[in-house]
């Protein structure tokens, strides 16, 4: 298909009414104008659209009913008469904000209670290491000793019993 037979893309077709009304931004309008200048097929699409718009002018225009104005003015007056309409909307907004605040505080409180319970109930591995630190510092010496039987024999030996006499 040659450049003179390029059709408008769906996006360009969507912007076509805005282009014809002069409502497109300059870059988009320039792109459509360039395509229209180079493509006879695209120009035919625009002409068909313009003809459709012209035919719409021949359709009968709907008219408002006789009591349309009276009904509209009655509704406006009713809205003015209803005191508290704005207050009710404001109170609904305030209620939503308060409800959101209560949920936020409740969530924070639940998180705090959960955190406190975990600190209390869950064992802290650092505390055990601190409690067993003296054993860990002398672990090599304990391994050299071997068994408790050796310690008992050592305690009963005359070299260590010299203190007791």
C-alpha atoms as a PDB file:
ATOM      1  CA  UNK A   1       0.000   0.000   0.000  1.00  0.00           C
ATOM      2  CA  UNK A   2       1.533   3.316  -1.105  1.00  0.00           C
ATOM      3  CA  UNK A   3       1.820   6.457   1.028  1.00  0.00           C
ATOM      4  CA  UNK A   4      -1.181   7.974  -0.788  1.00  0.00           C
ATOM      5  CA  UNK A   5      -3.408   5.105   0.418  1.00  0.00           C
ATOM      6  CA  UNK A   6      -2.533   5.068   4.132  1.00  0.00           C
ATOM      7  CA  UNK A   7      -5.565   4.846   6.372  1.00  0.00           C
ATOM      8  CA  UNK A   8      -5.938   6.635   9.670  1.00  0.00           C
ATOM      9  CA  UNK A   9      -5.038   4.560  12.731  1.00  0.00           C
ATOM     10  CA  UNK A  10      -7.729   3.995  15.367  1.00  0.00           C
ATOM     11  CA  UNK A  11      -5.960   6.527  17.599  1.00  0.00           C
ATOM     12  CA  UNK A  12      -5.870   9.127  14.822  1.00  0.00           C
ATOM     13  CA  UNK A  13      -9.502   8.410  14.018  1.00  0.00           C
ATOM     14  CA  UNK A  14     -10.362   9.044  17.672  1.00  0.00           C
ATOM     15  CA  UNK A  15      -8.533  12.391  17.559  1.00  0.00           C
ATOM     16  CA  UNK A  16     -10.094  13.380  14.241  1.00  0.00           C
ATOM     17  CA  UNK A  17     -13.077  15.228  15.753  1.00  0.00           C
ATOM     18  CA  UNK A  18     -10.745  17.168  18.044  1.00  0.00           C
ATOM     19  CA  UNK A  19      -8.557  17.930  15.002  1.00  0.00           C
ATOM     20  CA  UNK A  20     -11.521  19.243  12.995  1.00  0.00           C
ATOM     21  CA  UNK A  21     -12.590  21.391  15.977  1.00  0.00           C
ATOM     22  CA  UNK A  22      -9.023  22.698  16.431  1.00  0.00           C
ATOM     23  CA  UNK A  23      -8.704  21.217  19.921  1.00  0.00           C
ATOM     24  CA  UNK A  24      -5.591  19.012  19.416  1.00  0.00           C
ATOM     25  CA  UNK A  25      -2.127  19.922  20.585  1.00  0.00           C
ATOM     26  CA  UNK A  26       0.165  21.254  17.896  1.00  0.00           C
ATOM     27  CA  UNK A  27       2.305  18.115  17.478  1.00  0.00           C
ATOM     28  CA  UNK A  28      -0.707  15.792  17.158  1.00  0.00           C
ATOM     29  CA  UNK A  29      -2.509  18.194  14.812  1.00  0.00           C
ATOM     30  CA  UNK A  30       0.618  18.458  12.643  1.00  0.00           C
ATOM     31  CA  UNK A  31       0.901  14.641  12.429  1.00  0.00           C
ATOM     32  CA  UNK A  32      -2.720  14.271  11.292  1.00  0.00           C
ATOM     33  CA  UNK A  33      -2.391  17.186   8.846  1.00  0.00           C
ATOM     34  CA  UNK A  34       0.726  15.599   7.317  1.00  0.00           C
ATOM     35  CA  UNK A  35      -1.052  12.282   6.916  1.00  0.00           C
ATOM     36  CA  UNK A  36      -4.050  13.997   5.334  1.00  0.00           C
ATOM     37  CA  UNK A  37      -1.786  15.893   2.951  1.00  0.00           C
ATOM     38  CA  UNK A  38      -0.061  12.706   1.748  1.00  0.00           C
ATOM     39  CA  UNK A  39      -2.898  10.167   1.792  1.00  0.00           C
ATOM     40  CA  UNK A  40      -5.956  10.345  -0.425  1.00  0.00           C
ATOM     41  CA  UNK A  41      -7.535   7.482   1.550  1.00  0.00           C
ATOM     42  CA  UNK A  42      -7.198   9.418   4.805  1.00  0.00           C
ATOM     43  CA  UNK A  43      -8.694  12.523   3.163  1.00  0.00           C
ATOM     44  CA  UNK A  44     -11.704  10.467   2.043  1.00  0.00           C
ATOM     45  CA  UNK A  45     -12.213   9.293   5.628  1.00  0.00           C
ATOM     46  CA  UNK A  46     -12.193  12.910   6.829  1.00  0.00           C
ATOM     47  CA  UNK A  47     -14.613  13.959   4.082  1.00  0.00           C
ATOM     48  CA  UNK A  48     -16.982  11.135   5.038  1.00  0.00           C
ATOM     49  CA  UNK A  49     -16.844  12.246   8.656  1.00  0.00           C
ATOM     50  CA  UNK A  50     -17.539  15.865   7.699  1.00  0.00           C
ATOM     51  CA  UNK A  51     -20.534  14.759   5.605  1.00  0.00           C
ATOM     52  CA  UNK A  52     -21.869  12.737   8.538  1.00  0.00           C
ATOM     53  CA  UNK A  53     -21.596  15.820  10.759  1.00  0.00           C
ATOM     54  CA  UNK A  54     -23.410  17.899   8.154  1.00  0.00           C
ATOM     55  CA  UNK A  55     -26.223  15.345   7.963  1.00  0.00           C
ATOM     56  CA  UNK A  56     -26.659  15.573  11.721  1.00  0.00           C
ATOM     57  CA  UNK A  57     -27.730  19.179  11.221  1.00  0.00           C
ATOM     58  CA  UNK A  58     -30.838  17.966   9.349  1.00  0.00           C
ATOM     59  CA  UNK A  59     -32.032  15.751  12.182  1.00  0.00           C
ATOM     60  CA  UNK A  60     -34.804  17.192  14.345  1.00  0.00           C
ATOM     61  CA  UNK A  61     -33.521  18.695  17.576  1.00  0.00           C
ATOM     62  CA  UNK A  62     -35.116  17.433  20.769  1.00  0.00           C
ATOM     63  CA  UNK A  63     -36.984  20.055  22.741  1.00  0.00           C
ATOM     64  CA  UNK A  64     -37.348  20.228  26.463  1.00  0.00           C
ATOM     65  CA  UNK A  65     -40.793  19.568  27.823  1.00  0.00           C
ATOM     66  CA  UNK A  66     -43.026  22.458  28.841  1.00  0.00           C
ATOM     67  CA  UNK A  67     -42.523  21.813  32.540  1.00  0.00           C
ATOM     68  CA  UNK A  68     -38.734  21.255  32.340  1.00  0.00           C
ATOM     69  CA  UNK A  69     -37.925  24.757  33.591  1.00  0.00           C
ATOM     70  CA  UNK A  70     -40.463  24.542  36.402  1.00  0.00           C
ATOM     71  CA  UNK A  71     -39.184  21.131  37.527  1.00  0.00           C
ATOM     72  CA  UNK A  72     -35.567  22.320  37.439  1.00  0.00           C
ATOM     73  CA  UNK A  73     -36.324  25.430  39.478  1.00  0.00           C
ATOM     74  CA  UNK A  74     -38.346  23.359  41.954  1.00  0.00           C
ATOM     75  CA  UNK A  75     -35.423  20.979  42.442  1.00  0.00           C
ATOM     76  CA  UNK A  76     -33.018  23.893  42.954  1.00  0.00           C
ATOM     77  CA  UNK A  77     -35.379  25.469  45.478  1.00  0.00           C
ATOM     78  CA  UNK A  78     -35.771  22.131  47.264  1.00  0.00           C
ATOM     79  CA  UNK A  79     -31.975  21.812  47.485  1.00  0.00           C
ATOM     80  CA  UNK A  80     -31.749  25.330  48.957  1.00  0.00           C
ATOM     81  CA  UNK A  81     -34.519  24.617  51.449  1.00  0.00           C
ATOM     82  CA  UNK A  82     -32.979  21.432  52.719  1.00  0.00           C
ATOM     83  CA  UNK A  83     -30.815  22.738  55.519  1.00  0.00           C
ATOM     84  CA  UNK A  84     -28.146  20.471  56.726  1.00  0.00           C
ATOM     85  CA  UNK A  85     -27.377  18.912  53.352  1.00  0.00           C
ATOM     86  CA  UNK A  86     -23.866  20.312  53.489  1.00  0.00           C
ATOM     87  CA  UNK A  87     -23.702  19.551  57.182  1.00  0.00           C
ATOM     88  CA  UNK A  88     -24.652  15.936  56.554  1.00  0.00           C
ATOM     89  CA  UNK A  89     -21.942  15.591  53.892  1.00  0.00           C
ATOM     90  CA  UNK A  90     -19.441  17.218  56.239  1.00  0.00           C
ATOM     91  CA  UNK A  91     -20.470  14.970  59.109  1.00  0.00           C
ATOM     92  CA  UNK A  92     -20.134  11.910  56.858  1.00  0.00           C
ATOM     93  CA  UNK A  93     -16.614  13.007  55.925  1.00  0.00           C
ATOM     94  CA  UNK A  94     -15.729  13.613  59.571  1.00  0.00           C
ATOM     95  CA  UNK A  95     -17.120  10.191  60.474  1.00  0.00           C
ATOM     96  CA  UNK A  96     -15.001   8.557  57.779  1.00  0.00           C
ATOM     97  CA  UNK A  97     -11.878  10.357  59.024  1.00  0.00           C
ATOM     98  CA  UNK A  98     -12.611   9.378  62.626  1.00  0.00           C
ATOM     99  CA  UNK A  99     -13.294   5.782  61.583  1.00  0.00           C
ATOM    100  CA  UNK A 100     -10.003   5.694  59.676  1.00  0.00           C
ATOM    101  CA  UNK A 101      -8.179   7.143  62.682  1.00  0.00           C
ATOM    102  CA  UNK A 102      -9.715   4.569  65.025  1.00  0.00           C
ATOM    103  CA  UNK A 103      -8.663   1.739  62.692  1.00  0.00           C
ATOM    104  CA  UNK A 104      -5.145   3.159  62.493  1.00  0.00           C
ATOM    105  CA  UNK A 105      -4.864   3.406  66.287  1.00  0.00           C
ATOM    106  CA  UNK A 106      -6.304  -0.104  66.682  1.00  0.00           C
ATOM    107  CA  UNK A 107      -3.798  -1.497  64.193  1.00  0.00           C
ATOM    108  CA  UNK A 108      -0.902   0.272  65.946  1.00  0.00           C
ATOM    109  CA  UNK A 109      -2.107  -0.993  69.333  1.00  0.00           C
ATOM    110  CA  UNK A 110      -2.416  -4.559  68.022  1.00  0.00           C
ATOM    111  CA  UNK A 111       1.084  -4.329  66.580  1.00  0.00           C
ATOM    112  CA  UNK A 112       2.448  -3.019  69.905  1.00  0.00           C
ATOM    113  CA  UNK A 113       0.756  -5.758  71.929  1.00  0.00           C
ATOM    114  CA  UNK A 114       1.995  -8.408  69.501  1.00  0.00           C
ATOM    115  CA  UNK A 115       5.530  -7.044  69.683  1.00  0.00           C
ATOM    116  CA  UNK A 116       5.456  -6.971  73.506  1.00  0.00           C
ATOM    117  CA  UNK A 117       4.127 -10.538  73.672  1.00  0.00           C
ATOM    118  CA  UNK A 118       6.831 -11.767  71.320  1.00  0.00           C
ATOM    119  CA  UNK A 119       9.535 -10.100  73.421  1.00  0.00           C
ATOM    120  CA  UNK A 120       8.125 -11.708  76.550  1.00  0.00           C
ATOM    121  CA  UNK A 121       7.314 -15.178  75.181  1.00  0.00           C
ATOM    122  CA  UNK A 122      10.053 -15.755  72.608  1.00  0.00           C
ATOM    123  CA  UNK A 123      13.431 -16.754  74.059  1.00  0.00           C
ATOM    124  CA  UNK A 124      16.260 -14.351  73.416  1.00  0.00           C
ATOM    125  CA  UNK A 125      19.274 -16.307  72.081  1.00  0.00           C
ATOM    126  CA  UNK A 126      21.662 -13.594  73.277  1.00  0.00           C
ATOM    127  CA  UNK A 127      20.657 -14.143  76.913  1.00  0.00           C
ATOM    128  CA  UNK A 128      21.650 -17.805  76.723  1.00  0.00           C
ATOM    129  CA  UNK A 129      25.007 -16.877  75.203  1.00  0.00           C
ATOM    130  CA  UNK A 130      25.610 -14.356  77.996  1.00  0.00           C
ATOM    131  CA  UNK A 131      24.611 -16.933  80.645  1.00  0.00           C
ATOM    132  CA  UNK A 132      26.947 -19.578  79.145  1.00  0.00           C
ATOM    133  CA  UNK A 133      29.848 -17.185  78.472  1.00  0.00           C
ATOM    134  CA  UNK A 134      32.027 -18.404  81.389  1.00  0.00           C
ATOM    135  CA  UNK A 135      31.704 -21.970  80.111  1.00  0.00           C
ATOM    136  CA  UNK A 136      32.571 -20.880  76.581  1.00  0.00           C
ATOM    137  CA  UNK A 137      35.630 -18.931  77.800  1.00  0.00           C
ATOM    138  CA  UNK A 138      37.087 -22.054  79.489  1.00  0.00           C
ATOM    139  CA  UNK A 139      35.831 -24.624  76.991  1.00  0.00           C
ATOM    140  CA  UNK A 140      39.322 -25.666  75.860  1.00  0.00           C
ATOM    141  CA  UNK A 141      40.343 -26.358  79.485  1.00  0.00           C
ATOM    142  CA  UNK A 142      37.177 -28.396  80.085  1.00  0.00           C
ATOM    143  CA  UNK A 143      37.910 -30.485  76.998  1.00  0.00           C
ATOM    144  CA  UNK A 144      41.438 -31.167  78.263  1.00  0.00           C
ATOM    145  CA  UNK A 145      40.011 -32.499  81.558  1.00  0.00           C
ATOM    146  CA  UNK A 146      38.002 -35.163  79.809  1.00  0.00           C
ATOM    147  CA  UNK A 147      35.570 -36.775  82.287  1.00  0.00           C
ATOM    148  CA  UNK A 148      34.267 -36.188  85.814  1.00  0.00           C
ATOM    149  CA  UNK A 149      36.058 -39.305  87.010  1.00  0.00           C
ATOM    150  CA  UNK A 150      39.374 -37.586  86.316  1.00  0.00           C
ATOM    151  CA  UNK A 151      38.255 -34.593  88.376  1.00  0.00           C
ATOM    152  CA  UNK A 152      37.245 -36.895  91.271  1.00  0.00           C
ATOM    153  CA  UNK A 153      40.623 -38.660  91.160  1.00  0.00           C
ATOM    154  CA  UNK A 154      42.355 -35.286  91.052  1.00  0.00           C
ATOM    155  CA  UNK A 155      40.364 -34.098  94.066  1.00  0.00           C
ATOM    156  CA  UNK A 156      41.321 -37.289  96.013  1.00  0.00           C
ATOM    157  CA  UNK A 157      45.004 -37.137  95.037  1.00  0.00           C
ATOM    158  CA  UNK A 158      47.539 -36.249  97.780  1.00  0.00           C
ATOM    159  CA  UNK A 159      48.768 -33.179  95.874  1.00  0.00           C
ATOM    160  CA  UNK A 160      45.362 -31.513  96.162  1.00  0.00           C
ATOM    161  CA  UNK A 161      44.552 -32.930  99.600  1.00  0.00           C
ATOM    162  CA  UNK A 162      47.513 -31.114 101.168  1.00  0.00           C
ATOM    163  CA  UNK A 163      45.277 -28.128 101.823  1.00  0.00           C
ATOM    164  CA  UNK A 164      42.808 -30.114 103.858  1.00  0.00           C
ATOM    165  CA  UNK A 165      45.314 -31.269 106.489  1.00  0.00           C
END
